[in-house]
Amino acid sequence: MNLKLWTGALALGLLLFALTPVSSAAVIGTLRIGSDGQVIVDQDTIDFQPPAGLNDGPIITTDDTLTYNNGTTLAIGETGRIKDLDFVIAPPPVMEWLTFDNIPELDFHLGSLGAGSSNTNCAGLAIGQSCSVFAGSPFVLTRTATGTAVSLTVFGTVTDATAISSNFIGTLSNPLTGRTPESIQTNILAGGSETSPFSGDFVVTVIPEPGTISMLLGGGLLLALGGRRLRRS
């Protein structure tokens, strides 16, 4: 077989293999949550309510394509809990951060938080511009036509009854109508808090197995050697 054709076929095969899910058993898909409650945020804590106080708060699935336990689809309207966060006393990672009442084996484990905005000057922002209340804050405040959208990016892993883990990336959002980023910054830095409804959007993907990574690396080496031989010829 022509070496050029052979290396091309191998590259295509590796690409298709890499794009194939590791197993239908893995948790995979998208998830959107909402709540009839609210969230209270200050400099150090996120308190999902009810109940008041640092514990956890209620959630409900509002839209999803999430599958778990060998292909079971998560139902819309499934209820669960999300743990409050204290960045000083108990910062991430947080095990069983997001759970479901009727599916105890399906757990979202919070690993880390995303970076906030590098801009800490929240005064006079135009619509679409963003800031953070202080350097190092993971919250991003974006000026909107009706007020401010506050967002928090989260990362972690998901497990279920199988032995396979998945990765997730998500965004928690809460709108503050009639509030500017500057007024929120002033309030938080003065020791105040902000209260609003909240929602969350998550994307869950399969973690590649070690064998998959090894095969891709080995295939890459074969492609490199093949290309070298072609150049020599």
Protein backbone atom coordinates (compact mmCIF):
# COMPACT_ATOMS: atom_id res chain seq x y z
CA MET A 1 0.00 0.00 0.00
CA ASN A 2 1.28 3.46 -0.83
CA LEU A 3 2.86 4.89 2.37
CA LYS A 4 1.18 8.25 1.93
CA LEU A 5 -2.23 6.63 1.59
CA TRP A 6 -1.51 4.37 4.56
CA THR A 7 -0.56 7.24 6.86
CA GLY A 8 -3.62 9.19 5.74
CA ALA A 9 -5.89 6.25 6.50
CA LEU A 10 -4.29 5.84 9.91
CA ALA A 11 -4.79 9.54 10.69
CA LEU A 12 -8.47 9.29 9.76
CA GLY A 13 -8.90 6.15 11.85
CA LEU A 14 -7.30 7.77 14.89
CA LEU A 15 -9.48 10.84 14.52
CA LEU A 16 -12.65 8.76 14.34
CA PHE A 17 -11.51 6.72 17.33
CA ALA A 18 -10.81 9.85 19.36
CA LEU A 19 -14.25 11.25 18.57
CA THR A 20 -16.02 8.03 19.57
CA PRO A 21 -17.34 8.10 23.17
CA VAL A 22 -15.25 5.96 25.50
CA SER A 23 -18.34 4.12 26.66
CA SER A 24 -22.09 4.57 26.62
CA ALA A 25 -21.85 4.00 30.37
CA ALA A 26 -20.22 7.39 30.97
CA VAL A 27 -22.24 10.39 32.14
CA ILE A 28 -22.48 12.69 29.11
CA GLY A 29 -24.63 15.51 27.75
CA THR A 30 -25.92 18.90 28.82
CA LEU A 31 -27.81 20.02 31.90
CA ARG A 32 -29.71 23.15 32.84
CA ILE A 33 -30.92 23.75 36.38
CA GLY A 34 -33.16 26.33 37.98
CA SER A 35 -34.68 26.90 41.40
CA ASP A 36 -37.74 28.34 43.10
CA GLY A 37 -35.32 29.74 45.67
CA GLN A 38 -32.60 32.35 45.45
CA VAL A 39 -28.91 32.85 46.07
CA ILE A 40 -27.22 35.33 48.41
CA VAL A 41 -23.61 36.27 47.57
CA ASP A 42 -21.08 38.29 49.55
CA GLN A 43 -17.28 38.53 49.47
CA ASP A 44 -16.72 35.11 51.04
CA THR A 45 -19.83 32.95 50.62
CA ILE A 46 -22.54 31.71 48.26
CA ASP A 47 -25.73 30.78 50.10
CA PHE A 48 -28.35 28.92 48.05
CA GLN A 49 -31.76 29.29 49.73
CA PRO A 50 -33.95 27.99 51.26
CA PRO A 51 -32.92 27.28 53.94
CA ALA A 52 -30.99 30.33 55.13
CA GLY A 53 -27.51 29.66 56.44
CA LEU A 54 -24.60 27.78 54.93
CA ASN A 55 -25.80 24.29 54.04
CA ASP A 56 -27.41 23.70 50.65
CA GLY A 57 -30.36 24.79 48.53
CA PRO A 58 -32.90 23.25 46.15
CA ILE A 59 -32.50 22.79 42.39
CA ILE A 60 -34.66 21.37 39.60
CA THR A 61 -33.69 20.29 36.09
CA THR A 62 -35.30 22.55 33.49
CA ASP A 63 -33.64 21.14 30.36
CA ASP A 64 -31.09 18.43 29.62
CA THR A 65 -29.70 15.75 27.33
CA LEU A 66 -27.81 14.11 30.19
CA THR A 67 -27.50 10.33 30.27
CA TYR A 68 -26.05 8.22 33.10
CA ASN A 69 -25.94 4.59 34.35
CA ASN A 70 -25.38 3.02 30.93
CA GLY A 71 -27.61 5.37 28.96
CA THR A 72 -30.46 6.32 31.32
CA THR A 73 -31.75 9.81 30.48
CA LEU A 74 -32.10 12.33 33.30
CA ALA A 75 -35.72 13.47 33.51
CA ILE A 76 -36.71 17.12 33.28
CA GLY A 77 -38.22 18.16 36.60
CA GLU A 78 -35.79 16.04 38.64
CA THR A 79 -35.14 17.74 41.99
CA GLY A 80 -31.89 17.92 43.91
CA ARG A 81 -29.58 19.97 46.12
CA ILE A 82 -26.60 22.26 45.56
CA LYS A 83 -24.14 22.91 48.37
CA ASP A 84 -23.37 26.42 49.58
CA LEU A 85 -19.77 27.62 49.27
CA ASP A 86 -17.50 29.32 51.78
CA PHE A 87 -14.33 30.46 50.03
CA VAL A 88 -12.48 31.02 53.31
CA ILE A 89 -13.43 28.03 55.48
CA ALA A 90 -14.14 25.36 52.85
CA PRO A 91 -13.03 26.39 49.34
CA PRO A 92 -13.23 23.93 46.42
CA PRO A 93 -12.83 21.04 45.86
CA VAL A 94 -16.24 20.05 47.22
CA MET A 95 -17.41 16.45 46.90
CA GLU A 96 -21.09 15.78 46.06
CA TRP A 97 -21.58 19.47 45.38
CA LEU A 98 -24.64 18.97 43.17
CA THR A 99 -26.81 15.91 43.77
CA PHE A 100 -30.27 14.56 42.90
CA ASP A 101 -32.90 13.45 45.40
CA ASN A 102 -34.01 10.31 43.55
CA ILE A 103 -30.62 9.41 41.99
CA PRO A 104 -28.16 9.26 44.91
CA GLU A 105 -25.42 7.72 42.77
CA LEU A 106 -25.32 10.69 40.34
CA ASP A 107 -22.93 13.26 41.83
CA PHE A 108 -21.32 16.45 40.51
CA HIS A 109 -18.04 17.00 42.38
CA LEU A 110 -16.83 20.62 42.25
CA GLY A 111 -13.13 20.81 41.47
CA SER A 112 -12.35 24.48 40.88
CA LEU A 113 -13.73 27.89 39.92
CA GLY A 114 -12.98 29.90 36.82
CA ALA A 115 -11.07 33.15 36.80
CA GLY A 116 -12.93 36.42 37.10
CA SER A 117 -12.33 39.52 35.02
CA SER A 118 -8.95 41.23 35.08
CA ASN A 119 -10.81 44.55 35.14
CA THR A 120 -11.71 45.70 38.66
CA ASN A 121 -12.94 49.15 37.61
CA CYS A 122 -16.71 48.63 37.50
CA ALA A 123 -17.55 52.32 37.05
CA GLY A 124 -19.10 53.53 33.81
CA LEU A 125 -19.18 50.22 31.96
CA ALA A 126 -21.01 50.11 28.63
CA ILE A 127 -23.50 47.36 27.84
CA GLY A 128 -21.57 44.12 27.28
CA GLN A 129 -18.49 45.20 29.25
CA SER A 130 -17.44 43.25 32.35
CA CYS A 131 -15.53 43.58 35.62
CA SER A 132 -14.93 41.80 38.91
CA VAL A 133 -15.50 43.32 42.34
CA PHE A 134 -11.90 42.73 43.42
CA ALA A 135 -8.76 41.05 42.09
CA GLY A 136 -9.05 37.30 42.41
CA SER A 137 -12.84 37.24 42.62
CA PRO A 138 -14.25 34.42 40.44
CA PHE A 139 -17.47 36.35 39.73
CA VAL A 140 -17.84 38.26 36.47
CA LEU A 141 -20.23 41.24 36.40
CA THR A 142 -21.47 42.15 32.91
CA ARG A 143 -23.50 45.29 32.25
CA THR A 144 -26.80 44.56 30.45
CA ALA A 145 -29.64 46.69 29.14
CA THR A 146 -31.67 45.91 32.27
CA GLY A 147 -28.97 45.79 34.93
CA THR A 148 -26.13 43.35 35.57
CA ALA A 149 -25.60 39.67 34.80
CA VAL A 150 -23.43 37.95 37.39
CA SER A 151 -21.75 34.69 36.32
CA LEU A 152 -19.49 32.09 37.93
CA THR A 153 -17.66 29.40 35.95
CA VAL A 154 -17.24 26.02 37.63
CA PHE A 155 -15.26 22.87 36.76
CA GLY A 156 -15.31 19.34 38.12
CA THR A 157 -16.15 15.69 37.59
CA VAL A 158 -19.34 13.62 37.52
CA THR A 159 -19.78 10.05 38.74
CA ASP A 160 -22.67 7.58 38.70
CA ALA A 161 -23.19 3.88 39.44
CA THR A 162 -20.56 2.89 36.84
CA ALA A 163 -16.81 3.08 37.35
CA ILE A 164 -16.36 5.81 34.70
CA SER A 165 -15.91 9.51 35.54
CA SER A 166 -16.73 12.44 33.28
CA ASN A 167 -15.65 16.08 33.23
CA PHE A 168 -18.01 19.02 33.51
CA ILE A 169 -17.78 22.75 32.90
CA GLY A 170 -20.65 24.96 33.95
CA THR A 171 -21.80 28.51 34.51
CA LEU A 172 -23.97 29.70 37.37
CA SER A 173 -25.84 32.89 36.49
CA ASN A 174 -27.94 35.34 38.43
CA PRO A 175 -29.49 38.54 37.03
CA LEU A 176 -29.58 41.71 39.10
CA THR A 177 -32.21 43.91 37.46
CA GLY A 178 -31.82 47.66 37.91
CA ARG A 179 -28.34 47.34 39.42
CA THR A 180 -25.13 48.55 37.81
CA PRO A 181 -21.80 46.73 38.22
CA GLU A 182 -20.50 49.82 40.04
CA SER A 183 -23.30 49.76 42.64
CA ILE A 184 -22.78 46.01 43.21
CA GLN A 185 -19.04 46.50 43.66
CA THR A 186 -19.58 49.30 46.16
CA ASN A 187 -22.05 47.22 48.16
CA ILE A 188 -19.90 44.07 48.28
CA LEU A 189 -16.70 45.93 49.21
CA ALA A 190 -18.62 47.62 52.04
CA GLY A 191 -19.47 44.19 53.46
CA GLY A 192 -22.93 43.87 51.91
CA SER A 193 -24.51 41.04 49.94
CA GLU A 194 -26.59 40.62 46.77
CA THR A 195 -29.72 38.46 46.45
CA SER A 196 -31.30 37.16 43.24
CA PRO A 197 -32.72 34.05 41.54
CA PHE A 198 -30.16 31.77 39.88
CA SER A 199 -29.74 29.15 37.18
CA GLY A 200 -26.95 26.92 35.92
CA ASP A 201 -25.83 25.42 32.61
CA PHE A 202 -23.43 22.46 32.43
CA VAL A 203 -21.70 20.49 29.68
CA VAL A 204 -20.52 16.98 30.64
CA THR A 205 -17.93 15.17 28.51
CA VAL A 206 -16.13 11.83 28.73
CA ILE A 207 -12.65 11.65 30.26
CA PRO A 208 -10.42 9.76 27.77
CA GLU A 209 -9.20 6.41 29.07
CA PRO A 210 -5.40 5.93 29.42
CA GLY A 211 -5.50 3.37 26.59
CA THR A 212 -7.12 5.91 24.28
CA ILE A 213 -4.44 8.49 25.01
CA SER A 214 -1.66 5.92 24.52
CA MET A 215 -3.12 4.84 21.18
CA LEU A 216 -3.36 8.44 19.99
CA LEU A 217 0.25 9.12 21.02
CA GLY A 218 1.43 5.91 19.38
CA GLY A 219 -0.47 6.72 16.23
CA GLY A 220 1.01 10.20 16.20
CA LEU A 221 4.49 8.69 16.37
CA LEU A 222 3.69 6.38 13.43
CA LEU A 223 2.42 9.34 11.43
CA ALA A 224 5.58 11.29 12.19
CA LEU A 225 7.81 8.38 11.14
CA GLY A 226 5.76 7.88 7.98
CA GLY A 227 6.05 11.54 7.10
CA ARG A 228 9.81 11.39 7.68
CA ARG A 229 10.15 8.43 5.31
CA LEU A 230 8.11 10.24 2.69
CA ARG A 231 10.36 13.27 2.89
CA ARG A 232 13.45 11.10 2.52
CA SER A 233 12.02 9.39 -0.56
